[in-house]
N, C-alpha and C. Protein backbone atom coordinates (compact mmCIF):
# COMPACT_ATOMS: atom_id res chain seq x y z
N MET A 1 20.54 133.15 -20.99
CA MET A 1 21.67 132.06 -20.72
C MET A 1 21.58 130.78 -20.69
N LEU A 2 22.10 129.62 -21.87
CA LEU A 2 21.33 128.55 -21.62
C LEU A 2 22.26 127.69 -20.69
N PRO A 3 21.72 126.94 -19.76
CA PRO A 3 22.93 126.29 -18.81
C PRO A 3 23.27 125.38 -19.56
N ILE A 4 25.04 125.26 -19.34
CA ILE A 4 26.07 124.27 -19.90
C ILE A 4 25.72 123.00 -19.70
N ARG A 5 25.82 121.94 -20.73
CA ARG A 5 25.16 120.31 -19.91
C ARG A 5 26.69 120.00 -20.42
N GLU A 6 27.06 119.14 -19.08
CA GLU A 6 28.28 118.80 -19.12
C GLU A 6 27.95 117.30 -19.55
N GLU A 7 28.54 116.35 -20.44
CA GLU A 7 28.28 115.10 -20.64
C GLU A 7 29.50 113.76 -20.02
N HIS A 8 29.39 113.26 -19.15
CA HIS A 8 30.05 112.42 -18.52
C HIS A 8 30.42 111.15 -19.29
N LYS A 9 31.53 110.97 -20.08
CA LYS A 9 31.71 109.86 -20.75
C LYS A 9 32.49 109.08 -20.06
N PRO A 10 32.71 107.62 -20.28
CA PRO A 10 33.76 106.83 -19.59
C PRO A 10 35.08 106.88 -20.34
N ARG A 11 35.97 107.11 -19.87
CA ARG A 11 37.10 107.97 -20.44
C ARG A 11 38.08 106.47 -21.09
N ARG A 12 38.44 106.58 -21.82
CA ARG A 12 38.94 104.89 -22.66
C ARG A 12 40.44 104.94 -21.93
N ARG A 13 40.97 103.91 -21.50
CA ARG A 13 42.14 104.00 -20.58
C ARG A 13 43.40 103.99 -22.11
N ILE A 14 44.29 104.69 -21.97
CA ILE A 14 45.32 104.57 -22.72
C ILE A 14 46.38 103.96 -22.11
N ASN A 15 46.90 102.98 -22.96
CA ASN A 15 48.07 102.43 -22.79
C ASN A 15 49.15 103.23 -23.05
N ASN A 16 50.15 103.82 -22.18
CA ASN A 16 50.97 104.21 -22.78
C ASN A 16 52.35 103.75 -22.69
N ASP A 17 52.51 102.48 -22.36
CA ASP A 17 53.71 102.01 -22.49
C ASP A 17 53.55 100.55 -23.53
N PRO A 18 53.85 100.26 -24.50
CA PRO A 18 53.58 99.72 -25.84
C PRO A 18 54.11 98.37 -25.23
N ASN A 19 55.20 98.50 -24.49
CA ASN A 19 55.45 96.91 -23.99
C ASN A 19 55.22 96.07 -22.70
N GLY A 20 54.08 96.61 -22.32
CA GLY A 20 53.36 96.25 -21.46
C GLY A 20 53.08 94.96 -21.48
N ASP A 21 52.21 94.62 -22.74
CA ASP A 21 51.88 93.28 -22.62
C ASP A 21 52.77 92.16 -23.07
N SER A 22 53.84 92.96 -23.52
CA SER A 22 54.92 91.87 -23.63
C SER A 22 55.74 91.23 -22.16
N LYS A 23 55.96 92.08 -21.56
CA LYS A 23 56.50 92.33 -19.74
C LYS A 23 55.75 91.14 -19.33
N ALA A 24 54.04 91.53 -19.71
CA ALA A 24 53.25 90.63 -18.88
C ALA A 24 53.60 88.94 -19.29
N VAL A 25 53.67 89.03 -20.57
CA VAL A 25 53.56 87.70 -21.24
C VAL A 25 55.15 87.35 -20.77
N THR A 26 56.04 87.59 -20.82
CA THR A 26 57.11 87.12 -20.15
C THR A 26 57.19 87.30 -18.75
N GLN A 27 56.78 87.03 -18.57
CA GLN A 27 56.67 87.57 -16.30
C GLN A 27 55.91 86.15 -16.54
N GLN A 28 54.76 85.81 -17.22
CA GLN A 28 53.90 84.74 -16.91
C GLN A 28 54.43 83.19 -17.21
N VAL A 29 55.13 83.43 -18.44
CA VAL A 29 56.47 82.17 -19.29
C VAL A 29 56.99 81.90 -18.23
N ARG A 30 57.92 83.09 -17.48
CA ARG A 30 58.98 83.08 -16.15
C ARG A 30 58.63 81.87 -15.02
N ARG A 31 57.23 82.53 -14.86
CA ARG A 31 56.72 82.01 -13.87
C ARG A 31 55.72 80.43 -14.03
N ASP A 32 55.83 80.12 -14.84
CA ASP A 32 55.45 78.79 -15.34
C ASP A 32 56.37 77.70 -15.62
N LEU A 33 57.54 78.49 -16.26
CA LEU A 33 58.69 77.51 -16.40
C LEU A 33 59.75 77.29 -14.92
N THR A 34 59.10 78.14 -13.63
CA THR A 34 59.21 77.78 -12.40
C THR A 34 58.89 77.23 -11.51
N TYR A 35 57.32 76.78 -12.46
CA TYR A 35 56.36 75.94 -11.34
C TYR A 35 56.59 74.78 -12.31
N ILE A 36 57.06 74.61 -13.53
CA ILE A 36 57.02 73.31 -14.27
C ILE A 36 58.18 72.65 -13.58
N LYS A 37 59.64 73.40 -13.31
CA LYS A 37 60.48 72.83 -12.84
C LYS A 37 60.02 72.57 -11.53
N ARG A 38 59.34 73.05 -10.56
CA ARG A 38 59.11 72.58 -9.11
C ARG A 38 58.24 70.85 -9.08
N PHE A 39 57.04 70.92 -10.28
CA PHE A 39 56.43 69.88 -10.13
C PHE A 39 57.33 68.72 -10.67
N ALA A 40 58.44 68.96 -11.96
CA ALA A 40 59.16 67.81 -11.88
C ALA A 40 60.51 67.53 -10.94
N ILE A 41 60.50 67.87 -10.13
CA ILE A 41 61.63 67.69 -8.75
C ILE A 41 60.61 66.80 -7.91
N VAL A 42 59.23 67.38 -7.49
CA VAL A 42 58.39 66.94 -6.64
C VAL A 42 57.70 65.46 -7.45
N GLY A 43 57.74 65.46 -8.37
CA GLY A 43 57.59 64.29 -9.24
C GLY A 43 58.45 63.22 -9.38
N ALA A 44 59.80 63.41 -9.62
CA ALA A 44 60.55 62.48 -9.12
C ALA A 44 60.76 61.97 -8.15
N LEU A 45 60.79 62.72 -7.02
CA LEU A 45 60.91 62.44 -6.25
C LEU A 45 59.26 61.08 -5.42
N ASN A 46 58.25 61.63 -6.13
CA ASN A 46 57.04 60.73 -5.41
C ASN A 46 57.38 59.46 -6.39
N GLY A 47 58.20 59.63 -7.99
CA GLY A 47 58.29 58.33 -8.44
C GLY A 47 59.11 57.37 -7.62
N THR A 48 60.39 58.01 -7.14
CA THR A 48 61.05 57.21 -6.84
C THR A 48 61.17 56.64 -5.47
N ALA A 49 59.82 56.96 -4.76
CA ALA A 49 59.18 56.46 -3.48
C ALA A 49 58.11 54.82 -4.08
N GLN A 50 57.72 55.69 -5.00
CA GLN A 50 56.42 54.87 -5.13
C GLN A 50 57.71 53.41 -6.12
N GLY A 51 58.49 53.73 -7.05
CA GLY A 51 59.02 52.48 -7.27
C GLY A 51 59.83 51.85 -6.42
N LEU A 52 60.44 52.10 -5.18
CA LEU A 52 60.83 51.07 -4.27
C LEU A 52 60.24 50.26 -4.17
N VAL A 53 58.88 50.30 -3.97
CA VAL A 53 58.36 49.72 -2.87
C VAL A 53 56.90 48.82 -3.74
N THR A 54 55.85 50.25 -4.18
CA THR A 54 54.84 49.35 -5.15
C THR A 54 54.79 48.39 -6.11
N PRO A 55 55.89 47.96 -6.54
CA PRO A 55 55.67 46.70 -7.51
C PRO A 55 56.18 45.45 -6.59
N PHE A 56 56.41 45.88 -5.78
CA PHE A 56 56.94 44.29 -4.73
C PHE A 56 56.01 44.24 -3.63
N LEU A 57 54.65 44.75 -3.63
CA LEU A 57 54.04 44.50 -2.96
C LEU A 57 53.33 43.25 -2.82
N PRO A 58 52.85 42.75 -4.04
CA PRO A 58 52.28 41.54 -4.22
C PRO A 58 53.45 40.29 -3.65
N ILE A 59 54.49 40.69 -4.04
CA ILE A 59 55.35 39.38 -3.87
C ILE A 59 55.23 39.39 -1.85
N ILE A 60 55.36 41.00 -1.48
CA ILE A 60 55.94 40.70 0.05
C ILE A 60 54.52 39.64 0.41
N PHE A 61 53.25 40.40 0.41
CA PHE A 61 52.39 39.43 0.77
C PHE A 61 52.42 38.01 0.31
N ARG A 62 52.95 37.60 -0.44
CA ARG A 62 53.18 35.78 -1.38
C ARG A 62 53.86 35.51 -0.62
N MET A 63 55.17 36.14 -0.46
CA MET A 63 56.23 35.40 -0.16
C MET A 63 56.44 35.52 2.06
N VAL A 64 56.42 36.84 2.34
CA VAL A 64 56.48 36.85 3.72
C VAL A 64 55.14 36.73 4.46
N LEU A 65 53.79 36.76 4.45
CA LEU A 65 53.37 36.38 4.90
C LEU A 65 52.05 35.07 4.36
N HIS A 66 52.89 34.43 3.47
CA HIS A 66 52.53 33.48 3.01
C HIS A 66 50.76 33.03 2.66
N VAL A 67 50.32 34.45 1.89
CA VAL A 67 48.77 34.16 1.56
C VAL A 67 48.76 33.19 0.04
N SER A 68 47.68 32.82 -0.37
CA SER A 68 47.59 32.36 -1.95
C SER A 68 47.41 33.80 -2.76
N ASN A 69 47.54 33.02 -3.92
CA ASN A 69 47.57 34.44 -4.82
C ASN A 69 45.90 34.78 -5.01
N GLY A 70 44.99 34.02 -4.76
CA GLY A 70 43.34 34.31 -4.73
C GLY A 70 43.38 35.78 -3.84
N VAL A 71 44.16 35.29 -2.39
CA VAL A 71 43.67 36.12 -1.33
C VAL A 71 44.70 37.44 -1.65
N VAL A 72 46.09 37.79 -2.55
CA VAL A 72 46.65 38.94 -2.56
C VAL A 72 45.83 39.76 -4.06
N GLY A 73 44.97 39.12 -4.65
CA GLY A 73 44.29 39.63 -5.63
C GLY A 73 43.02 40.18 -4.65
N ASP A 74 42.43 39.38 -3.55
CA ASP A 74 41.50 40.00 -2.97
C ASP A 74 42.14 41.44 -2.49
N ILE A 75 43.04 41.41 -1.69
CA ILE A 75 43.37 42.49 -0.44
C ILE A 75 43.99 43.62 -1.74
N PHE A 76 43.99 43.15 -2.91
CA PHE A 76 44.31 44.74 -3.94
C PHE A 76 43.32 45.24 -4.26
N PHE A 77 42.40 44.03 -4.58
CA PHE A 77 41.15 44.57 -4.94
C PHE A 77 40.53 45.97 -4.17
N ILE A 78 40.26 45.32 -2.52
CA ILE A 78 39.87 45.81 -1.80
C ILE A 78 40.82 47.79 -1.11
N GLY A 79 42.08 47.28 -1.63
CA GLY A 79 42.81 48.71 -1.84
C GLY A 79 42.07 49.78 -3.00
N GLY A 80 42.46 48.83 -4.05
CA GLY A 80 41.90 49.89 -5.10
C GLY A 80 40.20 50.62 -5.05
N LEU A 81 39.40 49.63 -4.49
CA LEU A 81 38.01 50.17 -4.26
C LEU A 81 37.99 51.53 -2.98
N ALA A 82 38.77 51.37 -2.09
CA ALA A 82 39.05 52.08 -1.05
C ALA A 82 39.83 53.57 -1.73
N ALA A 83 40.72 53.07 -2.44
CA ALA A 83 41.47 54.61 -2.99
C ALA A 83 40.09 55.09 -4.02
N ALA A 84 39.53 54.21 -4.81
CA ALA A 84 38.63 54.90 -5.52
C ALA A 84 37.48 55.68 -4.80
N LEU A 85 36.79 54.92 -3.77
CA LEU A 85 35.56 56.24 -2.67
C LEU A 85 36.44 57.18 -2.26
N THR A 86 38.06 57.03 -1.66
CA THR A 86 38.48 58.12 -1.09
C THR A 86 38.75 59.58 -2.10
N SER A 87 39.03 58.83 -3.26
CA SER A 87 39.33 59.93 -4.29
C SER A 87 38.18 61.12 -4.21
N LEU A 88 36.81 60.39 -3.88
CA LEU A 88 35.55 61.16 -4.42
C LEU A 88 35.68 62.45 -3.09
N THR A 89 36.36 62.13 -2.12
CA THR A 89 36.60 63.46 -1.00
C THR A 89 37.28 64.63 -1.49
N ALA A 90 38.45 64.59 -2.45
CA ALA A 90 38.98 65.48 -2.79
C ALA A 90 38.47 67.07 -2.98
N PRO A 91 37.20 67.05 -3.71
CA PRO A 91 37.15 68.29 -3.24
C PRO A 91 36.79 69.27 -2.09
N VAL A 92 36.19 68.17 -1.06
CA VAL A 92 35.79 68.80 0.23
C VAL A 92 37.15 69.26 0.76
N LEU A 93 38.05 67.92 0.51
CA LEU A 93 39.60 68.50 1.10
C LEU A 93 40.23 69.58 0.67
N SER A 94 39.87 69.76 -0.58
CA SER A 94 40.61 70.61 -1.22
C SER A 94 40.05 72.20 -0.29
N ARG A 95 38.57 72.13 -0.54
CA ARG A 95 37.80 73.13 0.40
C ARG A 95 38.18 73.45 1.71
N MET A 96 38.46 72.51 2.52
CA MET A 96 39.36 72.91 3.70
C MET A 96 40.44 72.90 4.39
N PHE A 97 41.14 72.16 3.25
CA PHE A 97 42.74 72.37 3.77
C PHE A 97 43.06 73.20 2.33
N GLY A 98 42.91 74.05 1.45
CA GLY A 98 43.54 74.09 -0.10
C GLY A 98 44.07 73.17 -0.52
N LEU A 99 44.34 73.38 -1.78
CA LEU A 99 44.70 72.55 -3.00
C LEU A 99 46.05 72.25 -2.71
N ARG A 100 47.10 72.85 -1.63
CA ARG A 100 48.49 71.82 -1.51
C ARG A 100 48.49 70.90 -0.70
N ASP A 101 47.55 71.39 0.75
CA ASP A 101 47.63 70.87 1.91
C ASP A 101 46.72 69.45 1.68
N ALA A 102 45.70 69.65 0.63
CA ALA A 102 44.96 68.38 0.78
C ALA A 102 45.62 67.55 0.00
N ILE A 103 47.28 67.76 -0.96
CA ILE A 103 48.12 67.08 -1.18
C ILE A 103 48.97 66.05 0.22
N VAL A 104 49.45 66.95 0.62
CA VAL A 104 50.11 67.01 1.74
C VAL A 104 49.67 66.29 2.90
N ILE A 105 48.63 66.45 3.30
CA ILE A 105 48.39 65.42 4.48
C ILE A 105 47.79 64.47 4.32
N PRO A 106 46.95 64.17 2.84
CA PRO A 106 46.79 62.57 2.65
C PRO A 106 48.31 61.81 2.58
N ARG A 107 49.39 62.69 1.93
CA ARG A 107 50.58 61.96 1.80
C ARG A 107 51.55 61.53 3.54
N ILE A 108 51.19 62.39 4.22
CA ILE A 108 51.59 62.46 5.41
C ILE A 108 51.35 60.81 6.17
N ILE A 109 50.03 60.95 5.44
CA ILE A 109 49.21 59.73 6.22
C ILE A 109 49.86 58.53 5.56
N SER A 110 49.80 58.44 4.16
CA SER A 110 50.04 57.48 3.50
C SER A 110 51.71 57.00 3.69
N THR A 111 52.40 57.85 4.13
CA THR A 111 53.98 57.69 4.24
C THR A 111 53.84 56.78 5.77
N ILE A 112 53.20 57.22 6.54
CA ILE A 112 53.23 56.69 8.05
C ILE A 112 52.72 54.89 7.76
N ALA A 113 52.05 55.14 6.96
CA ALA A 113 51.18 53.40 6.69
C ALA A 113 52.46 52.64 6.37
N LEU A 114 53.19 53.62 4.95
CA LEU A 114 53.93 52.72 4.18
C LEU A 114 55.38 52.22 5.02
N ILE A 115 55.55 52.82 6.12
CA ILE A 115 57.00 52.16 6.99
C ILE A 115 56.50 51.37 7.75
N LEU A 116 54.65 51.27 8.53
CA LEU A 116 54.72 50.01 8.94
C LEU A 116 54.17 49.10 8.15
N ILE A 117 54.15 49.07 6.61
CA ILE A 117 53.98 47.94 6.35
C ILE A 117 54.99 46.79 6.58
N PRO A 118 56.07 46.87 6.34
CA PRO A 118 57.06 45.52 6.61
C PRO A 118 57.26 45.36 8.28
N PHE A 119 56.90 46.18 8.55
CA PHE A 119 56.67 45.26 10.29
C PHE A 119 55.47 44.77 10.49
N SER A 120 54.54 44.56 9.49
CA SER A 120 53.13 43.96 9.93
C SER A 120 53.69 42.58 10.35
N THR A 121 52.99 42.05 11.16
CA THR A 121 53.09 40.32 11.72
C THR A 121 52.02 39.76 10.99
N THR A 122 51.21 40.13 11.01
CA THR A 122 49.85 39.71 10.84
C THR A 122 49.24 40.05 9.76
N LEU A 123 48.29 38.87 9.10
CA LEU A 123 47.49 39.58 7.82
C LEU A 123 46.58 40.84 8.26
N TYR A 124 46.39 40.69 9.04
CA TYR A 124 44.76 41.85 9.69
C TYR A 124 45.65 43.07 9.63
N LEU A 125 46.93 43.28 10.15
CA LEU A 125 47.62 44.60 10.27
C LEU A 125 48.47 44.70 9.13
N ALA A 126 48.61 44.05 8.17
CA ALA A 126 49.30 44.07 6.83
C ALA A 126 47.96 44.92 5.85
N VAL A 127 47.28 44.11 6.09
CA VAL A 127 45.99 44.65 5.17
C VAL A 127 45.53 45.90 4.99
N THR A 128 45.62 46.43 6.60
CA THR A 128 44.98 47.32 6.90
C THR A 128 46.08 48.84 6.47
N THR A 129 47.27 48.34 7.18
CA THR A 129 48.33 49.77 6.27
C THR A 129 48.24 49.58 4.90
N TYR A 130 48.11 48.29 4.48
CA TYR A 130 48.46 48.70 2.92
C TYR A 130 47.11 49.62 2.29
N VAL A 131 46.05 49.43 2.95
CA VAL A 131 44.64 49.98 2.22
C VAL A 131 44.94 51.38 2.37
N VAL A 132 45.79 51.62 4.02
CA VAL A 132 45.43 53.17 3.79
C VAL A 132 46.75 53.97 3.45
N TYR A 133 47.30 52.94 3.23
CA TYR A 133 48.73 53.76 2.18
C TYR A 133 48.10 53.79 1.04
N VAL A 134 47.71 52.91 -0.10
CA VAL A 134 46.74 53.02 -1.00
C VAL A 134 45.73 54.32 -1.15
N MET A 135 45.07 54.20 0.00
CA MET A 135 43.68 55.19 -0.02
C MET A 135 44.30 56.77 -0.39
N PHE A 136 45.58 56.96 0.87
CA PHE A 136 45.44 58.29 1.12
C PHE A 136 46.44 58.85 -0.25
N ARG A 137 47.18 57.99 -0.38
CA ARG A 137 48.38 58.00 -1.89
C ARG A 137 47.34 58.31 -2.86
N VAL A 138 46.38 57.71 -3.20
CA VAL A 138 45.72 58.35 -4.36
C VAL A 138 44.63 59.15 -4.05
N SER A 139 44.31 59.74 -3.26
CA SER A 139 43.85 60.79 -2.81
C SER A 139 44.15 62.03 -3.01
N SER A 140 45.00 62.32 -2.95
CA SER A 140 45.74 63.39 -2.90
C SER A 140 46.14 63.72 -4.54
N LEU A 141 46.14 63.14 -5.42
CA LEU A 141 46.23 62.80 -6.99
C LEU A 141 45.35 63.74 -7.55
N ALA A 142 44.07 64.11 -7.43
CA ALA A 142 43.02 64.96 -7.91
C ALA A 142 43.86 66.63 -7.33
N PRO A 143 43.94 66.66 -5.99
CA PRO A 143 44.51 68.17 -5.68
C PRO A 143 45.58 68.38 -5.98
N GLN A 144 46.39 67.50 -6.58
CA GLN A 144 47.50 67.79 -7.57
C GLN A 144 47.49 68.26 -8.82
N GLN A 145 46.56 67.29 -9.70
CA GLN A 145 45.93 68.27 -11.01
C GLN A 145 45.68 69.62 -10.74
N ALA A 146 44.44 69.69 -9.73
CA ALA A 146 44.32 70.72 -9.79
C ALA A 146 45.16 72.18 -9.01
N LEU A 147 46.21 71.67 -8.46
CA LEU A 147 46.79 72.57 -8.12
C LEU A 147 47.79 72.84 -9.42
N MET A 148 47.92 72.39 -10.51
CA MET A 148 48.88 72.44 -11.14
C MET A 148 48.36 73.44 -12.58
N MET A 149 46.75 72.99 -12.39
CA MET A 149 45.84 73.77 -13.55
C MET A 149 45.82 74.91 -12.81
N GLU A 150 45.61 75.56 -11.51
CA GLU A 150 45.66 77.11 -10.93
C GLU A 150 46.64 77.50 -10.94
N LEU A 151 47.84 76.80 -10.85
CA LEU A 151 49.10 77.77 -10.91
C LEU A 151 50.10 77.98 -12.03
N VAL A 152 49.51 77.25 -12.95
CA VAL A 152 50.32 77.65 -14.56
C VAL A 152 49.29 78.18 -15.39
N GLY A 153 49.86 78.88 -16.50
CA GLY A 153 48.94 79.56 -17.31
C GLY A 153 48.26 78.53 -18.26
N ARG A 154 47.36 78.81 -19.35
CA ARG A 154 46.66 78.15 -19.81
C ARG A 154 47.39 77.34 -21.06
N GLY A 155 48.56 78.35 -21.34
CA GLY A 155 49.23 77.62 -22.41
C GLY A 155 50.40 76.64 -22.26
N SER A 156 50.80 76.46 -20.91
CA SER A 156 51.30 75.63 -20.22
C SER A 156 51.13 74.29 -19.49
N ARG A 157 49.53 74.57 -19.98
CA ARG A 157 49.11 73.01 -18.98
C ARG A 157 49.40 71.82 -19.09
N SER A 158 49.31 71.55 -20.52
CA SER A 158 49.50 70.48 -21.02
C SER A 158 51.05 70.06 -20.76
N THR A 159 52.19 71.04 -20.62
CA THR A 159 53.34 70.87 -20.64
C THR A 159 53.83 70.30 -18.96
N VAL A 160 53.02 71.02 -18.22
CA VAL A 160 53.47 70.67 -17.06
C VAL A 160 52.80 69.48 -16.47
N SER A 161 51.56 69.00 -17.04
CA SER A 161 51.03 67.57 -16.95
C SER A 161 52.08 66.67 -17.46
N GLY A 162 52.91 66.94 -18.54
CA GLY A 162 53.38 65.83 -19.38
C GLY A 162 54.59 65.49 -18.76
N VAL A 163 55.42 66.91 -18.22
CA VAL A 163 56.69 67.02 -17.53
C VAL A 163 56.43 66.14 -15.88
N ASN A 164 54.94 66.27 -15.55
CA ASN A 164 55.14 65.84 -14.37
C ASN A 164 54.89 64.54 -14.26
N GLN A 165 54.50 63.85 -15.19
CA GLN A 165 54.43 62.35 -15.25
C GLN A 165 55.65 61.99 -16.06
N ALA A 166 56.37 62.60 -16.93
CA ALA A 166 57.66 61.63 -17.67
C ALA A 166 58.63 61.88 -16.26
N SER A 167 58.65 63.01 -15.49
CA SER A 167 59.21 62.99 -13.93
C SER A 167 59.17 61.74 -13.23
N ARG A 168 57.81 61.41 -13.04
CA ARG A 168 57.64 60.48 -11.77
C ARG A 168 57.70 59.22 -12.66
N LEU A 169 57.53 58.47 -13.77
CA LEU A 169 57.37 57.38 -14.46
C LEU A 169 58.97 57.04 -14.35
N LEU A 170 60.07 57.61 -14.92
CA LEU A 170 61.43 57.46 -15.28
C LEU A 170 62.15 57.22 -13.97
N PRO A 171 61.94 58.04 -12.47
CA PRO A 171 62.43 57.40 -11.45
C PRO A 171 62.03 56.34 -11.30
N SER A 172 60.74 55.89 -11.43
CA SER A 172 60.07 54.81 -10.61
C SER A 172 60.45 53.96 -11.38
N ALA A 173 60.99 53.74 -12.79
CA ALA A 173 61.43 52.66 -13.43
C ALA A 173 62.73 52.54 -13.14
N THR A 174 63.60 53.20 -12.56
CA THR A 174 64.67 53.20 -12.26
C THR A 174 64.74 52.75 -10.77
N ALA A 175 64.03 53.40 -9.92
CA ALA A 175 64.22 52.89 -8.63
C ALA A 175 63.05 51.52 -8.17
N THR A 176 62.74 51.09 -9.24
CA THR A 176 62.28 49.36 -9.22
C THR A 176 63.33 48.78 -9.98
N THR A 177 64.58 48.93 -10.94
CA THR A 177 65.47 48.12 -11.22
C THR A 177 66.27 47.77 -9.59
N ALA A 178 66.29 49.17 -9.10
CA ALA A 178 67.58 48.86 -8.25
C ALA A 178 67.06 48.41 -6.65
N ALA A 179 65.53 47.96 -6.62
CA ALA A 179 65.14 47.68 -5.41
C ALA A 179 65.34 46.16 -5.41
N GLY A 180 65.12 45.49 -6.77
CA GLY A 180 64.79 44.30 -6.86
C GLY A 180 66.38 43.41 -6.39
N PRO A 181 67.65 44.07 -6.05
CA PRO A 181 68.79 43.37 -5.68
C PRO A 181 68.39 43.78 -4.13
N MET A 182 67.98 44.87 -3.53
CA MET A 182 67.55 45.46 -2.20
C MET A 182 66.94 44.09 -2.08
N LEU A 183 65.67 43.67 -2.29
CA LEU A 183 64.91 42.88 -1.64
C LEU A 183 65.91 41.55 -1.76
N ASP A 184 66.29 41.07 -2.24
CA ASP A 184 67.60 40.14 -2.65
C ASP A 184 67.99 39.54 -1.43
N TYR A 185 69.39 41.20 -0.82
CA TYR A 185 70.33 41.10 -0.21
C TYR A 185 70.25 41.82 1.06
N LEU A 186 69.29 42.77 1.14
CA LEU A 186 68.88 43.76 2.23
C LEU A 186 67.76 42.99 3.19
N PRO A 187 67.93 43.42 4.29
CA PRO A 187 66.47 43.31 4.86
C PRO A 187 65.33 43.93 4.29
N LEU A 188 64.12 43.39 4.58
CA LEU A 188 63.23 44.05 3.96
C LEU A 188 62.89 45.52 4.24
N PRO A 189 63.08 45.82 5.54
CA PRO A 189 62.52 47.27 5.72
C PRO A 189 63.38 48.24 4.93
N VAL A 190 64.34 48.00 4.49
CA VAL A 190 65.31 49.36 3.89
C VAL A 190 64.81 49.84 2.48
N PRO A 191 64.23 49.12 1.41
CA PRO A 191 63.56 50.17 0.58
C PRO A 191 62.22 50.75 0.99
N PHE A 192 61.68 50.24 2.14
CA PHE A 192 60.49 50.86 2.72
C PHE A 192 61.30 52.02 3.67
N ALA A 193 62.05 52.05 3.87
CA ALA A 193 63.11 53.25 5.14
C ALA A 193 63.37 54.08 3.99
N ILE A 194 63.74 53.93 2.77
CA ILE A 194 64.88 54.97 2.01
C ILE A 194 63.36 55.56 1.14
N ALA A 195 62.23 55.01 0.64
CA ALA A 195 60.84 55.53 0.15
C ALA A 195 60.42 56.38 1.52
N PHE A 196 60.57 56.43 2.66
CA PHE A 196 60.02 56.67 3.47
C PHE A 196 60.51 58.54 3.80
N ALA A 197 61.75 58.35 3.31
CA ALA A 197 62.48 59.46 3.75
C ALA A 197 62.76 60.38 2.31
N VAL A 198 62.05 59.50 0.93
CA VAL A 198 62.17 60.27 0.00
C VAL A 198 60.55 61.03 -0.02
N ASN A 199 60.09 60.61 0.77
CA ASN A 199 58.43 60.65 0.84
C ASN A 199 58.46 61.99 1.76
N ILE A 200 58.77 62.09 2.65
CA ILE A 200 59.06 63.19 3.85
C ILE A 200 60.41 64.31 2.71
N ALA A 201 60.82 63.69 2.51
CA ALA A 201 61.33 65.55 1.48
C ALA A 201 60.72 66.06 0.52
N ASN A 202 59.58 64.87 -0.19
CA ASN A 202 58.43 65.36 -0.88
C ASN A 202 57.93 66.26 -0.34
N ILE A 203 57.39 66.12 0.92
CA ILE A 203 56.57 66.28 1.16
C ILE A 203 57.24 67.73 2.24
N VAL A 204 57.98 67.99 2.29
CA VAL A 204 58.72 69.13 2.78
C VAL A 204 58.70 70.22 1.45
N LEU A 205 59.15 70.09 0.20
CA LEU A 205 59.30 70.59 -1.47
C LEU A 205 57.79 71.12 -1.33
N TYR A 206 56.53 70.52 -1.14
CA TYR A 206 55.49 70.98 -1.93
C TYR A 206 55.27 72.01 -0.61
N ARG A 207 55.40 71.84 0.48
CA ARG A 207 55.00 72.97 1.64
C ARG A 207 56.04 74.39 1.25
N LYS A 208 57.10 74.01 0.58
CA LYS A 208 58.36 75.06 0.26
C LYS A 208 57.82 75.85 -1.14
N PHE A 209 57.95 74.84 -1.87
CA PHE A 209 57.37 75.33 -3.28
C PHE A 209 56.56 75.97 -3.82
N PHE A 210 55.17 75.49 -3.55
CA PHE A 210 53.79 76.09 -3.54
C PHE A 210 52.75 77.29 -2.99
N PRO A 211 52.25 77.89 -3.17
CA PRO A 211 51.15 78.19 -2.13
C PRO A 211 49.92 77.75 -2.34
N ASN A 212 49.14 78.40 -1.34
CA ASN A 212 48.18 76.90 -0.76
C ASN A 212 46.30 77.76 -1.09
N PRO A 213 45.97 77.92 -2.65
CA PRO A 213 45.19 77.86 -3.04
C PRO A 213 43.76 77.73 -2.80
N ARG A 214 42.99 78.00 -2.29
CA ARG A 214 41.73 77.37 -1.40
C ARG A 214 39.88 77.38 -2.33
N PRO A 215 39.99 76.41 -2.80
CA PRO A 215 38.61 76.86 -3.81
C PRO A 215 37.52 76.93 -3.33
N THR A 216 36.81 77.50 -3.40
CA THR A 216 35.42 77.33 -2.73
C THR A 216 34.07 76.98 -3.71
N ARG A 217 33.00 77.11 -3.30
CA ARG A 217 31.98 76.72 -4.14
C ARG A 217 31.64 77.32 -4.95
N GLY A 218 31.40 78.64 -5.46
CA GLY A 218 31.47 79.65 -6.14
C GLY A 218 32.07 79.30 -7.20
N GLY A 219 33.42 78.76 -7.36
CA GLY A 219 34.39 78.46 -8.45
C GLY A 219 35.51 79.27 -8.20
N VAL A 220 35.48 80.54 -7.18
CA VAL A 220 36.75 81.63 -7.08
C VAL A 220 37.55 80.84 -6.11
N THR A 221 38.85 81.09 -6.31
CA THR A 221 39.98 80.57 -5.51
C THR A 221 40.74 81.37 -4.64
N VAL A 222 41.03 81.43 -3.92
CA VAL A 222 41.16 82.17 -2.82
C VAL A 222 42.61 81.53 -2.49
N ILE A 223 43.96 82.38 -2.81
CA ILE A 223 45.50 81.94 -2.26
C ILE A 223 46.00 82.11 -1.58
N ASP A 224 45.92 81.49 -0.13
CA ASP A 224 46.57 81.76 1.11
C ASP A 224 47.93 82.56 0.91
């Protein structure tokens, strides 16, 4: 008798559910739409807060603190330079805190600095609060883009980026139009207080709407 030789070949996995792929695609599309709506909401709040105060910061420095136009230009140069350097820390902050919290933590700091700007009675204090505000507001932009790319499928990434930008810019323009009369007829801290409240709502919704993926050096992302 000859021994029976068994050949162990890899088994082919048969998909008994012809609708499995379509169900997965449908679930992915629904998830993408959910995140697109959520990024539109937080984008609108972010734009509203920026529109209330950011366009008027040069005027505040010029009219309230009575500094020359040249000094105003120097202040904004320092703020832009500091923001650019702080943006380089985004990968480190994302690995330490996760993508979502790398957005939330800097925005908490920038929001605190924002509300202090109208109460700054000296040029040194005003410049310090402004630079801190700009630094940490800008440093949250890179993790925000990374979070959008992480949570949304490849086919919807350009859509979520476009919707987020549009939802930010349109409310920003509207808020800027409304803030002009506020600065004319209301105390200076009023638009800053409104922007502060809007930013707080934005931060709360980020915590509620999104998970906190944590990228690693090897390119693997772990979702907390």
